[in-house]
């Protein structure tokens, strides 16, 4: 005959409290949805009425754009390991962290994107100091590599002969400055200055960037620049089926330049307006201005959709992973 279990011995499921961390996370989502809603409401959808998309090009652009997001998550974890966080691996939890932090770009300022990664990833045991340094390293490398890549493609392009000679000379000076910034001694000084401006004190010697880390980051972001640029080309091809393959290097250069400059516009959510302005100004050199505007609008709407798909896939993959672990 079995002895009945005392009531106090029966395990009760823990009560999940809605603490300040959960409140902060939902505040992040609320702010994101508000800015995303305001942007989508401001779009002039009438410019899309006459669009007859080339569907195969749209599919290719979507695959490339989604791959670019996952590639960014891979670079992030790779840089963390290079900085000494050897236990970090690209897994569904960290992809989810990267995806929801990536959406933080739609909140004005670069801080939500960077602070989101630091806050959410630290809950998974990643040291905050490594996250702070890697986020600054990631942002700086992405801007420098994209600028260097874009300016190299565009500086000597004959289609830019319409630009003043002084502006073309500025392109060359910027290329030299980008190359110089990739020297570890200079890069670490820039990184230390950014660290102090964020009021995080002096940068510890263990966080200084070495040649292997910079070269690895440069190579990974160069691949990312090509993938992101190709995505813009196929969006343009979706809108304008007559766009020639010979224009591909120019369009890739326009894409990476617009991306880098929009990242520098830290008070503009997602670089909205800045990215489109550069795209329209330069793409108008190879297509009618009206078509260039249509490409810019379509590119932005496509980017928002891909960002939401990336977040949804990351969240779904994380949920499946947790269920498997629980089983």
C-alpha atoms as a PDB file:
ATOM      1  CA  UNK A   1       0.000   0.000   0.000  1.00  0.00           C
ATOM      2  CA  UNK A   2       1.532   3.316  -1.061  1.00  0.00           C
ATOM      3  CA  UNK A   3       1.907   6.203   1.349  1.00  0.00           C
ATOM      4  CA  UNK A   4       0.185   9.405   0.195  1.00  0.00           C
ATOM      5  CA  UNK A   5       2.520  12.254  -0.616  1.00  0.00           C
ATOM      6  CA  UNK A   6       2.310  15.131   1.860  1.00  0.00           C
ATOM      7  CA  UNK A   7       0.876  18.319   0.307  1.00  0.00           C
ATOM      8  CA  UNK A   8       4.045  20.255   1.099  1.00  0.00           C
ATOM      9  CA  UNK A   9       6.124  17.700  -0.854  1.00  0.00           C
ATOM     10  CA  UNK A  10       4.203  18.180  -4.094  1.00  0.00           C
ATOM     11  CA  UNK A  11       6.269  20.268  -6.553  1.00  0.00           C
ATOM     12  CA  UNK A  12       4.518  23.348  -7.759  1.00  0.00           C
ATOM     13  CA  UNK A  13       5.484  25.042 -11.025  1.00  0.00           C
ATOM     14  CA  UNK A  14       7.435  28.261 -10.530  1.00  0.00           C
ATOM     15  CA  UNK A  15       5.512  31.472 -11.038  1.00  0.00           C
ATOM     16  CA  UNK A  16       6.995  33.530 -13.850  1.00  0.00           C
ATOM     17  CA  UNK A  17       7.142  37.080 -12.619  1.00  0.00           C
ATOM     18  CA  UNK A  18       6.901  40.059 -14.901  1.00  0.00           C
ATOM     19  CA  UNK A  19      10.086  41.723 -13.648  1.00  0.00           C
ATOM     20  CA  UNK A  20      11.939  44.802 -14.812  1.00  0.00           C
ATOM     21  CA  UNK A  21      13.920  42.809 -17.376  1.00  0.00           C
ATOM     22  CA  UNK A  22      10.732  41.605 -19.039  1.00  0.00           C
ATOM     23  CA  UNK A  23       9.298  45.130 -18.867  1.00  0.00           C
ATOM     24  CA  UNK A  24      12.437  46.546 -20.498  1.00  0.00           C
ATOM     25  CA  UNK A  25      12.294  43.954 -23.272  1.00  0.00           C
ATOM     26  CA  UNK A  26       8.643  44.712 -24.020  1.00  0.00           C
ATOM     27  CA  UNK A  27       9.381  48.445 -23.951  1.00  0.00           C
ATOM     28  CA  UNK A  28      12.024  47.783 -26.607  1.00  0.00           C
ATOM     29  CA  UNK A  29       9.457  45.961 -28.755  1.00  0.00           C
ATOM     30  CA  UNK A  30       6.853  48.708 -28.244  1.00  0.00           C
ATOM     31  CA  UNK A  31       9.249  51.481 -29.297  1.00  0.00           C
ATOM     32  CA  UNK A  32      10.302  49.418 -32.304  1.00  0.00           C
ATOM     33  CA  UNK A  33       6.719  48.808 -33.451  1.00  0.00           C
ATOM     34  CA  UNK A  34       5.839  52.494 -33.068  1.00  0.00           C
ATOM     35  CA  UNK A  35       8.719  53.704 -35.253  1.00  0.00           C
ATOM     36  CA  UNK A  36       8.153  50.913 -37.778  1.00  0.00           C
ATOM     37  CA  UNK A  37       4.440  51.796 -38.000  1.00  0.00           C
ATOM     38  CA  UNK A  38       5.190  55.496 -38.469  1.00  0.00           C
ATOM     39  CA  UNK A  39       7.636  54.711 -41.257  1.00  0.00           C
ATOM     40  CA  UNK A  40       5.327  52.338 -43.130  1.00  0.00           C
ATOM     41  CA  UNK A  41       2.503  54.907 -42.870  1.00  0.00           C
ATOM     42  CA  UNK A  42       4.734  57.604 -44.392  1.00  0.00           C
ATOM     43  CA  UNK A  43       5.569  55.580 -47.527  1.00  0.00           C
ATOM     44  CA  UNK A  44       3.948  56.731 -50.767  1.00  0.00           C
ATOM     45  CA  UNK A  45       2.667  53.385 -52.041  1.00  0.00           C
ATOM     46  CA  UNK A  46       1.341  54.985 -55.222  1.00  0.00           C
ATOM     47  CA  UNK A  47       4.868  54.751 -56.650  1.00  0.00           C
ATOM     48  CA  UNK A  48       4.504  50.965 -56.612  1.00  0.00           C
ATOM     49  CA  UNK A  49       1.254  50.731 -58.570  1.00  0.00           C
ATOM     50  CA  UNK A  50       2.867  50.365 -61.975  1.00  0.00           C
ATOM     51  CA  UNK A  51       5.440  47.862 -60.769  1.00  0.00           C
ATOM     52  CA  UNK A  52       5.569  44.614 -62.736  1.00  0.00           C
ATOM     53  CA  UNK A  53       8.216  42.717 -60.799  1.00  0.00           C
ATOM     54  CA  UNK A  54      10.658  40.238 -62.283  1.00  0.00           C
ATOM     55  CA  UNK A  55       9.863  37.524 -59.780  1.00  0.00           C
ATOM     56  CA  UNK A  56      13.008  35.435 -60.145  1.00  0.00           C
ATOM     57  CA  UNK A  57      15.139  38.506 -59.408  1.00  0.00           C
ATOM     58  CA  UNK A  58      13.011  39.284 -56.338  1.00  0.00           C
ATOM     59  CA  UNK A  59      13.505  35.745 -55.033  1.00  0.00           C
ATOM     60  CA  UNK A  60      17.280  35.979 -55.529  1.00  0.00           C
ATOM     61  CA  UNK A  61      17.350  39.383 -53.790  1.00  0.00           C
ATOM     62  CA  UNK A  62      15.370  37.981 -50.850  1.00  0.00           C
ATOM     63  CA  UNK A  63      17.675  34.983 -50.413  1.00  0.00           C
ATOM     64  CA  UNK A  64      20.737  37.236 -50.542  1.00  0.00           C
ATOM     65  CA  UNK A  65      19.236  39.752 -48.106  1.00  0.00           C
ATOM     66  CA  UNK A  66      18.294  37.046 -45.603  1.00  0.00           C
ATOM     67  CA  UNK A  67      21.739  35.478 -45.970  1.00  0.00           C
ATOM     68  CA  UNK A  68      23.265  38.896 -45.225  1.00  0.00           C
ATOM     69  CA  UNK A  69      21.419  39.014 -41.868  1.00  0.00           C
ATOM     70  CA  UNK A  70      22.604  35.557 -40.842  1.00  0.00           C
ATOM     71  CA  UNK A  71      26.108  36.392 -42.041  1.00  0.00           C
ATOM     72  CA  UNK A  72      26.085  39.408 -39.711  1.00  0.00           C
ATOM     73  CA  UNK A  73      25.214  37.153 -36.756  1.00  0.00           C
ATOM     74  CA  UNK A  74      28.077  34.835 -37.733  1.00  0.00           C
ATOM     75  CA  UNK A  75      30.542  37.750 -37.876  1.00  0.00           C
ATOM     76  CA  UNK A  76      29.373  38.969 -34.467  1.00  0.00           C
ATOM     77  CA  UNK A  77      30.044  35.648 -32.749  1.00  0.00           C
ATOM     78  CA  UNK A  78      33.330  35.218 -34.632  1.00  0.00           C
ATOM     79  CA  UNK A  79      34.576  38.601 -33.386  1.00  0.00           C
ATOM     80  CA  UNK A  80      33.504  37.724 -29.835  1.00  0.00           C
ATOM     81  CA  UNK A  81      35.657  34.579 -29.949  1.00  0.00           C
ATOM     82  CA  UNK A  82      38.563  36.566 -31.388  1.00  0.00           C
ATOM     83  CA  UNK A  83      38.304  38.917 -28.392  1.00  0.00           C
ATOM     84  CA  UNK A  84      38.570  36.046 -25.929  1.00  0.00           C
ATOM     85  CA  UNK A  85      34.972  34.862 -25.454  1.00  0.00           C
ATOM     86  CA  UNK A  86      35.972  31.357 -26.557  1.00  0.00           C
ATOM     87  CA  UNK A  87      32.764  29.666 -25.348  1.00  0.00           C
ATOM     88  CA  UNK A  88      30.549  31.706 -27.686  1.00  0.00           C
ATOM     89  CA  UNK A  89      29.070  29.744 -30.569  1.00  0.00           C
ATOM     90  CA  UNK A  90      26.474  30.685 -33.158  1.00  0.00           C
ATOM     91  CA  UNK A  91      23.328  29.025 -31.803  1.00  0.00           C
ATOM     92  CA  UNK A  92      19.577  29.721 -31.998  1.00  0.00           C
ATOM     93  CA  UNK A  93      19.643  31.749 -28.773  1.00  0.00           C
ATOM     94  CA  UNK A  94      22.318  34.185 -30.003  1.00  0.00           C
ATOM     95  CA  UNK A  95      20.799  34.401 -33.492  1.00  0.00           C
ATOM     96  CA  UNK A  96      17.557  35.462 -31.794  1.00  0.00           C
ATOM     97  CA  UNK A  97      19.500  38.067 -29.762  1.00  0.00           C
ATOM     98  CA  UNK A  98      21.100  39.420 -32.932  1.00  0.00           C
ATOM     99  CA  UNK A  99      17.790  39.462 -34.841  1.00  0.00           C
ATOM    100  CA  UNK A 100      15.836  41.461 -32.269  1.00  0.00           C
ATOM    101  CA  UNK A 101      18.796  43.801 -31.701  1.00  0.00           C
ATOM    102  CA  UNK A 102      19.040  44.283 -35.476  1.00  0.00           C
ATOM    103  CA  UNK A 103      15.460  45.554 -35.449  1.00  0.00           C
ATOM    104  CA  UNK A 104      16.603  48.175 -32.932  1.00  0.00           C
ATOM    105  CA  UNK A 105      18.097  50.078 -35.870  1.00  0.00           C
ATOM    106  CA  UNK A 106      14.603  51.453 -36.518  1.00  0.00           C
ATOM    107  CA  UNK A 107      14.764  53.329 -33.212  1.00  0.00           C
ATOM    108  CA  UNK A 108      16.666  56.647 -33.627  1.00  0.00           C
ATOM    109  CA  UNK A 109      20.328  56.410 -32.694  1.00  0.00           C
ATOM    110  CA  UNK A 110      22.841  53.571 -33.017  1.00  0.00           C
ATOM    111  CA  UNK A 111      22.604  52.856 -29.267  1.00  0.00           C
ATOM    112  CA  UNK A 112      19.505  50.561 -29.358  1.00  0.00           C
ATOM    113  CA  UNK A 113      21.251  48.218 -31.819  1.00  0.00           C
ATOM    114  CA  UNK A 114      24.458  48.081 -29.759  1.00  0.00           C
ATOM    115  CA  UNK A 115      22.877  48.140 -26.292  1.00  0.00           C
ATOM    116  CA  UNK A 116      20.327  45.538 -27.358  1.00  0.00           C
ATOM    117  CA  UNK A 117      23.064  43.038 -28.152  1.00  0.00           C
ATOM    118  CA  UNK A 118      24.890  43.807 -24.908  1.00  0.00           C
ATOM    119  CA  UNK A 119      21.777  43.497 -22.757  1.00  0.00           C
ATOM    120  CA  UNK A 120      20.176  40.431 -24.351  1.00  0.00           C
ATOM    121  CA  UNK A 121      23.414  38.465 -24.942  1.00  0.00           C
ATOM    122  CA  UNK A 122      24.663  39.078 -21.386  1.00  0.00           C
ATOM    123  CA  UNK A 123      21.621  37.117 -20.172  1.00  0.00           C
ATOM    124  CA  UNK A 124      23.125  34.087 -21.936  1.00  0.00           C
ATOM    125  CA  UNK A 125      26.403  34.323 -20.063  1.00  0.00           C
ATOM    126  CA  UNK A 126      28.424  36.393 -22.558  1.00  0.00           C
ATOM    127  CA  UNK A 127      30.662  38.872 -20.632  1.00  0.00           C
ATOM    128  CA  UNK A 128      29.418  42.451 -20.933  1.00  0.00           C
ATOM    129  CA  UNK A 129      32.940  43.809 -21.448  1.00  0.00           C
ATOM    130  CA  UNK A 130      33.436  41.522 -24.463  1.00  0.00           C
ATOM    131  CA  UNK A 131      30.030  42.490 -25.810  1.00  0.00           C
ATOM    132  CA  UNK A 132      30.756  46.222 -25.484  1.00  0.00           C
ATOM    133  CA  UNK A 133      34.114  45.967 -27.277  1.00  0.00           C
ATOM    134  CA  UNK A 134      32.804  43.595 -29.963  1.00  0.00           C
ATOM    135  CA  UNK A 135      29.839  45.889 -30.699  1.00  0.00           C
ATOM    136  CA  UNK A 136      32.107  48.899 -31.191  1.00  0.00           C
ATOM    137  CA  UNK A 137      34.527  46.789 -33.235  1.00  0.00           C
ATOM    138  CA  UNK A 138      31.678  45.441 -35.340  1.00  0.00           C
ATOM    139  CA  UNK A 139      30.201  48.889 -36.064  1.00  0.00           C
ATOM    140  CA  UNK A 140      33.591  50.464 -36.843  1.00  0.00           C
ATOM    141  CA  UNK A 141      34.717  47.606 -39.090  1.00  0.00           C
ATOM    142  CA  UNK A 142      31.403  47.517 -40.936  1.00  0.00           C
ATOM    143  CA  UNK A 143      31.505  51.250 -41.704  1.00  0.00           C
ATOM    144  CA  UNK A 144      35.195  51.303 -42.659  1.00  0.00           C
ATOM    145  CA  UNK A 145      35.061  48.193 -44.849  1.00  0.00           C
ATOM    146  CA  UNK A 146      31.885  49.305 -46.615  1.00  0.00           C
ATOM    147  CA  UNK A 147      33.292  52.785 -47.266  1.00  0.00           C
ATOM    148  CA  UNK A 148      36.578  51.373 -48.539  1.00  0.00           C
ATOM    149  CA  UNK A 149      34.807  48.833 -50.730  1.00  0.00           C
ATOM    150  CA  UNK A 150      32.321  51.355 -52.135  1.00  0.00           C
ATOM    151  CA  UNK A 151      34.763  54.172 -52.750  1.00  0.00           C
ATOM    152  CA  UNK A 152      37.205  51.822 -54.478  1.00  0.00           C
ATOM    153  CA  UNK A 153      34.449  50.709 -56.845  1.00  0.00           C
ATOM    154  CA  UNK A 154      33.129  54.213 -57.488  1.00  0.00           C
ATOM    155  CA  UNK A 155      36.125  56.572 -57.298  1.00  0.00           C
ATOM    156  CA  UNK A 156      37.422  55.740 -60.769  1.00  0.00           C
ATOM    157  CA  UNK A 157      34.101  54.871 -62.403  1.00  0.00           C
ATOM    158  CA  UNK A 158      33.698  56.966 -65.593  1.00  0.00           C
ATOM    159  CA  UNK A 159      29.998  57.442 -64.852  1.00  0.00           C
ATOM    160  CA  UNK A 160      30.988  59.710 -61.965  1.00  0.00           C
ATOM    161  CA  UNK A 161      32.836  62.117 -64.248  1.00  0.00           C
ATOM    162  CA  UNK A 162      29.848  64.432 -63.792  1.00  0.00           C
ATOM    163  CA  UNK A 163      30.923  64.959 -60.177  1.00  0.00           C
ATOM    164  CA  UNK A 164      33.323  67.812 -59.331  1.00  0.00           C
ATOM    165  CA  UNK A 165      37.011  66.895 -59.330  1.00  0.00           C
ATOM    166  CA  UNK A 166      37.240  67.994 -55.683  1.00  0.00           C
ATOM    167  CA  UNK A 167      34.596  65.444 -54.671  1.00  0.00           C
ATOM    168  CA  UNK A 168      36.376  62.658 -56.540  1.00  0.00           C
ATOM    169  CA  UNK A 169      39.612  63.670 -54.793  1.00  0.00           C
ATOM    170  CA  UNK A 170      37.736  63.438 -51.491  1.00  0.00           C
ATOM    171  CA  UNK A 171      36.854  59.858 -52.411  1.00  0.00           C
ATOM    172  CA  UNK A 172      40.542  59.033 -52.830  1.00  0.00           C
ATOM    173  CA  UNK A 173      41.466  60.716 -49.531  1.00  0.00           C
ATOM    174  CA  UNK A 174      38.684  58.757 -47.813  1.00  0.00           C
ATOM    175  CA  UNK A 175      40.057  55.493 -49.240  1.00  0.00           C
ATOM    176  CA  UNK A 176      43.502  56.278 -47.801  1.00  0.00           C
ATOM    177  CA  UNK A 177      41.932  57.182 -44.441  1.00  0.00           C
ATOM    178  CA  UNK A 178      39.977  53.908 -44.348  1.00  0.00           C
ATOM    179  CA  UNK A 179      43.118  51.880 -45.068  1.00  0.00           C
ATOM    180  CA  UNK A 180      45.033  53.775 -42.370  1.00  0.00           C
ATOM    181  CA  UNK A 181      42.234  53.189 -39.856  1.00  0.00           C
ATOM    182  CA  UNK A 182      42.682  49.435 -40.293  1.00  0.00           C
ATOM    183  CA  UNK A 183      46.210  49.584 -38.834  1.00  0.00           C
ATOM    184  CA  UNK A 184      45.874  48.123 -35.287  1.00  0.00           C
ATOM    185  CA  UNK A 185      47.692  51.008 -33.566  1.00  0.00           C
ATOM    186  CA  UNK A 186      45.337  53.576 -35.141  1.00  0.00           C
ATOM    187  CA  UNK A 187      42.251  51.387 -34.847  1.00  0.00           C
ATOM    188  CA  UNK A 188      42.851  50.744 -31.134  1.00  0.00           C
ATOM    189  CA  UNK A 189      43.245  54.464 -30.521  1.00  0.00           C
ATOM    190  CA  UNK A 190      39.904  55.112 -32.232  1.00  0.00           C
ATOM    191  CA  UNK A 191      38.333  52.260 -30.266  1.00  0.00           C
ATOM    192  CA  UNK A 192      39.710  53.611 -26.972  1.00  0.00           C
ATOM    193  CA  UNK A 193      38.340  57.073 -27.746  1.00  0.00           C
ATOM    194  CA  UNK A 194      34.878  55.632 -28.462  1.00  0.00           C
ATOM    195  CA  UNK A 195      35.081  53.614 -25.247  1.00  0.00           C
ATOM    196  CA  UNK A 196      35.809  56.737 -23.209  1.00  0.00           C
ATOM    197  CA  UNK A 197      33.038  58.699 -24.931  1.00  0.00           C
ATOM    198  CA  UNK A 198      30.629  55.984 -23.823  1.00  0.00           C
ATOM    199  CA  UNK A 199      31.928  56.583 -20.272  1.00  0.00           C
ATOM    200  CA  UNK A 200      33.188  53.032 -19.877  1.00  0.00           C
ATOM    201  CA  UNK A 201      36.659  54.061 -18.737  1.00  0.00           C
ATOM    202  CA  UNK A 202      39.945  53.008 -20.292  1.00  0.00           C
ATOM    203  CA  UNK A 203      40.077  50.097 -22.723  1.00  0.00           C
ATOM    204  CA  UNK A 204      41.862  47.145 -21.088  1.00  0.00           C
ATOM    205  CA  UNK A 205      44.889  45.674 -22.863  1.00  0.00           C
ATOM    206  CA  UNK A 206      43.094  42.331 -23.248  1.00  0.00           C
ATOM    207  CA  UNK A 207      40.531  44.070 -25.477  1.00  0.00           C
ATOM    208  CA  UNK A 208      43.022  45.622 -27.877  1.00  0.00           C
ATOM    209  CA  UNK A 209      42.533  44.479 -31.448  1.00  0.00           C
ATOM    210  CA  UNK A 210      45.323  42.553 -33.212  1.00  0.00           C
ATOM    211  CA  UNK A 211      46.156  42.115 -36.884  1.00  0.00           C
ATOM    212  CA  UNK A 212      44.500  38.627 -37.063  1.00  0.00           C
ATOM    213  CA  UNK A 213      41.231  39.994 -35.631  1.00  0.00           C
ATOM    214  CA  UNK A 214      41.202  42.996 -37.981  1.00  0.00           C
ATOM    215  CA  UNK A 215      42.063  40.955 -41.055  1.00  0.00           C
ATOM    216  CA  UNK A 216      39.454  38.348 -40.177  1.00  0.00           C
ATOM    217  CA  UNK A 217      36.835  41.038 -39.642  1.00  0.00           C
ATOM    218  CA  UNK A 218      37.840  42.821 -42.847  1.00  0.00           C
ATOM    219  CA  UNK A 219      37.486  39.640 -44.910  1.00  0.00           C
ATOM    220  CA  UNK A 220      34.130  38.702 -43.390  1.00  0.00           C
ATOM    221  CA  UNK A 221      32.657  42.175 -43.855  1.00  0.00           C
ATOM    222  CA  UNK A 222      33.994  42.364 -47.430  1.00  0.00           C
ATOM    223  CA  UNK A 223      31.999  39.211 -48.198  1.00  0.00           C
ATOM    224  CA  UNK A 224      28.987  40.764 -46.472  1.00  0.00           C
ATOM    225  CA  UNK A 225      29.350  43.937 -48.575  1.00  0.00           C
ATOM    226  CA  UNK A 226      29.261  41.871 -51.774  1.00  0.00           C
ATOM    227  CA  UNK A 227      26.199  39.900 -50.622  1.00  0.00           C
ATOM    228  CA  UNK A 228      24.341  43.058 -49.557  1.00  0.00           C
ATOM    229  CA  UNK A 229      25.284  44.871 -52.770  1.00  0.00           C
ATOM    230  CA  UNK A 230      24.123  41.973 -54.926  1.00  0.00           C
ATOM    231  CA  UNK A 231      20.785  42.080 -53.124  1.00  0.00           C
ATOM    232  CA  UNK A 232      20.305  45.724 -54.186  1.00  0.00           C
ATOM    233  CA  UNK A 233      21.254  44.864 -57.766  1.00  0.00           C
ATOM    234  CA  UNK A 234      18.566  42.183 -57.981  1.00  0.00           C
ATOM    235  CA  UNK A 235      15.992  44.519 -56.392  1.00  0.00           C
ATOM    236  CA  UNK A 236      16.875  47.041 -59.113  1.00  0.00           C
ATOM    237  CA  UNK A 237      16.612  44.240 -61.677  1.00  0.00           C
ATOM    238  CA  UNK A 238      13.178  43.392 -60.254  1.00  0.00           C
ATOM    239  CA  UNK A 239      12.015  46.945 -60.963  1.00  0.00           C
ATOM    240  CA  UNK A 240      13.948  47.541 -64.189  1.00  0.00           C
ATOM    241  CA  UNK A 241      14.302  44.343 -66.217  1.00  0.00           C
ATOM    242  CA  UNK A 242      16.488  46.183 -68.755  1.00  0.00           C
ATOM    243  CA  UNK A 243      19.272  46.748 -66.185  1.00  0.00           C
ATOM    244  CA  UNK A 244      22.438  45.263 -67.683  1.00  0.00           C
ATOM    245  CA  UNK A 245      24.833  42.908 -65.913  1.00  0.00           C
ATOM    246  CA  UNK A 246      27.631  45.349 -66.725  1.00  0.00           C
ATOM    247  CA  UNK A 247      26.080  47.735 -64.198  1.00  0.00           C
ATOM    248  CA  UNK A 248      26.495  45.229 -61.351  1.00  0.00           C
ATOM    249  CA  UNK A 249      29.809  46.621 -59.902  1.00  0.00           C
ATOM    250  CA  UNK A 250      28.384  50.153 -59.933  1.00  0.00           C
ATOM    251  CA  UNK A 251      25.156  49.122 -58.167  1.00  0.00           C
ATOM    252  CA  UNK A 252      27.109  47.130 -55.557  1.00  0.00           C
ATOM    253  CA  UNK A 253      29.246  50.220 -54.926  1.00  0.00           C
ATOM    254  CA  UNK A 254      26.140  52.393 -54.555  1.00  0.00           C
ATOM    255  CA  UNK A 255      24.610  49.902 -52.111  1.00  0.00           C
ATOM    256  CA  UNK A 256      27.652  49.689 -49.833  1.00  0.00           C
ATOM    257  CA  UNK A 257      28.209  53.474 -49.899  1.00  0.00           C
ATOM    258  CA  UNK A 258      24.573  54.140 -48.992  1.00  0.00           C
ATOM    259  CA  UNK A 259      24.747  51.540 -46.220  1.00  0.00           C
ATOM    260  CA  UNK A 260      27.913  52.993 -44.675  1.00  0.00           C
ATOM    261  CA  UNK A 261      26.727  56.615 -44.785  1.00  0.00           C
ATOM    262  CA  UNK A 262      23.325  55.676 -43.336  1.00  0.00           C
ATOM    263  CA  UNK A 263      25.117  54.006 -40.401  1.00  0.00           C
ATOM    264  CA  UNK A 264      26.998  57.237 -39.781  1.00  0.00           C
ATOM    265  CA  UNK A 265      23.669  59.085 -39.601  1.00  0.00           C
ATOM    266  CA  UNK A 266      23.167  57.786 -36.061  1.00  0.00           C
ATOM    267  CA  UNK A 267      20.089  59.896 -35.256  1.00  0.00           C
ATOM    268  CA  UNK A 268      18.100  58.658 -38.239  1.00  0.00           C
ATOM    269  CA  UNK A 269      16.199  55.390 -37.555  1.00  0.00           C
ATOM    270  CA  UNK A 270      17.530  52.698 -39.875  1.00  0.00           C
ATOM    271  CA  UNK A 271      19.190  55.361 -42.029  1.00  0.00           C
ATOM    272  CA  UNK A 272      15.742  56.099 -43.478  1.00  0.00           C
ATOM    273  CA  UNK A 273      15.977  58.891 -46.046  1.00  0.00           C
ATOM    274  CA  UNK A 274      19.783  59.002 -46.030  1.00  0.00           C
ATOM    275  CA  UNK A 275      20.183  55.615 -47.695  1.00  0.00           C
ATOM    276  CA  UNK A 276      17.425  56.348 -50.215  1.00  0.00           C
ATOM    277  CA  UNK A 277      18.850  59.792 -51.051  1.00  0.00           C
ATOM    278  CA  UNK A 278      22.244  58.362 -51.964  1.00  0.00           C
ATOM    279  CA  UNK A 279      20.684  55.529 -53.946  1.00  0.00           C
ATOM    280  CA  UNK A 280      18.484  57.860 -55.981  1.00  0.00           C
ATOM    281  CA  UNK A 281      21.301  60.354 -56.644  1.00  0.00           C
ATOM    282  CA  UNK A 282      23.726  57.712 -57.937  1.00  0.00           C
ATOM    283  CA  UNK A 283      21.331  55.249 -59.559  1.00  0.00           C
ATOM    284  CA  UNK A 284      19.935  58.164 -61.588  1.00  0.00           C
ATOM    285  CA  UNK A 285      23.229  58.059 -63.498  1.00  0.00           C
ATOM    286  CA  UNK A 286      22.318  54.680 -65.022  1.00  0.00           C
ATOM    287  CA  UNK A 287      18.486  54.812 -65.110  1.00  0.00           C
ATOM    288  CA  UNK A 288      15.682  57.407 -65.222  1.00  0.00           C
ATOM    289  CA  UNK A 289      15.238  59.271 -61.945  1.00  0.00           C
ATOM    290  CA  UNK A 290      11.655  57.995 -61.573  1.00  0.00           C
ATOM    291  CA  UNK A 291      12.896  54.406 -61.813  1.00  0.00           C
ATOM    292  CA  UNK A 292      15.684  55.145 -59.341  1.00  0.00           C
ATOM    293  CA  UNK A 293      13.113  56.473 -56.853  1.00  0.00           C
ATOM    294  CA  UNK A 294      11.032  53.332 -57.357  1.00  0.00           C
ATOM    295  CA  UNK A 295      14.110  51.166 -56.735  1.00  0.00           C
ATOM    296  CA  UNK A 296      14.908  53.061 -53.521  1.00  0.00           C
ATOM    297  CA  UNK A 297      11.347  52.747 -52.177  1.00  0.00           C
ATOM    298  CA  UNK A 298      11.136  49.066 -53.114  1.00  0.00           C
ATOM    299  CA  UNK A 299      14.535  48.414 -51.529  1.00  0.00           C
ATOM    300  CA  UNK A 300      13.425  49.947 -48.226  1.00  0.00           C
ATOM    301  CA  UNK A 301      10.111  48.059 -48.113  1.00  0.00           C
ATOM    302  CA  UNK A 302      11.920  44.854 -49.035  1.00  0.00           C
ATOM    303  CA  UNK A 303      14.488  45.455 -46.265  1.00  0.00           C
ATOM    304  CA  UNK A 304      11.753  45.949 -43.652  1.00  0.00           C
ATOM    305  CA  UNK A 305      10.030  42.746 -44.767  1.00  0.00           C
ATOM    306  CA  UNK A 306      13.289  40.757 -44.689  1.00  0.00           C
ATOM    307  CA  UNK A 307      14.110  42.128 -41.221  1.00  0.00           C
ATOM    308  CA  UNK A 308      10.737  40.919 -39.932  1.00  0.00           C
ATOM    309  CA  UNK A 309      11.185  37.521 -41.612  1.00  0.00           C
ATOM    310  CA  UNK A 310      14.672  37.233 -40.092  1.00  0.00           C
ATOM    311  CA  UNK A 311      13.290  38.008 -36.639  1.00  0.00           C
ATOM    312  CA  UNK A 312      10.410  35.533 -37.100  1.00  0.00           C
ATOM    313  CA  UNK A 313      12.713  32.741 -38.281  1.00  0.00           C
ATOM    314  CA  UNK A 314      15.172  33.393 -35.456  1.00  0.00           C
ATOM    315  CA  UNK A 315      12.390  33.323 -32.856  1.00  0.00           C
ATOM    316  CA  UNK A 316      10.852  30.145 -34.334  1.00  0.00           C
ATOM    317  CA  UNK A 317      14.249  28.394 -34.450  1.00  0.00           C
ATOM    318  CA  UNK A 318      14.900  29.362 -30.843  1.00  0.00           C
ATOM    319  CA  UNK A 319      11.521  27.976 -29.764  1.00  0.00           C
ATOM    320  CA  UNK A 320      12.156  24.658 -31.548  1.00  0.00           C
ATOM    321  CA  UNK A 321      15.606  24.434 -29.979  1.00  0.00           C
ATOM    322  CA  UNK A 322      14.195  25.019 -26.478  1.00  0.00           C
ATOM    323  CA  UNK A 323      11.485  22.385 -26.957  1.00  0.00           C
ATOM    324  CA  UNK A 324      14.080  19.850 -28.085  1.00  0.00           C
ATOM    325  CA  UNK A 325      16.268  20.654 -25.111  1.00  0.00           C
ATOM    326  CA  UNK A 326      13.310  20.277 -22.749  1.00  0.00           C
ATOM    327  CA  UNK A 327      12.411  16.928 -24.329  1.00  0.00           C
END
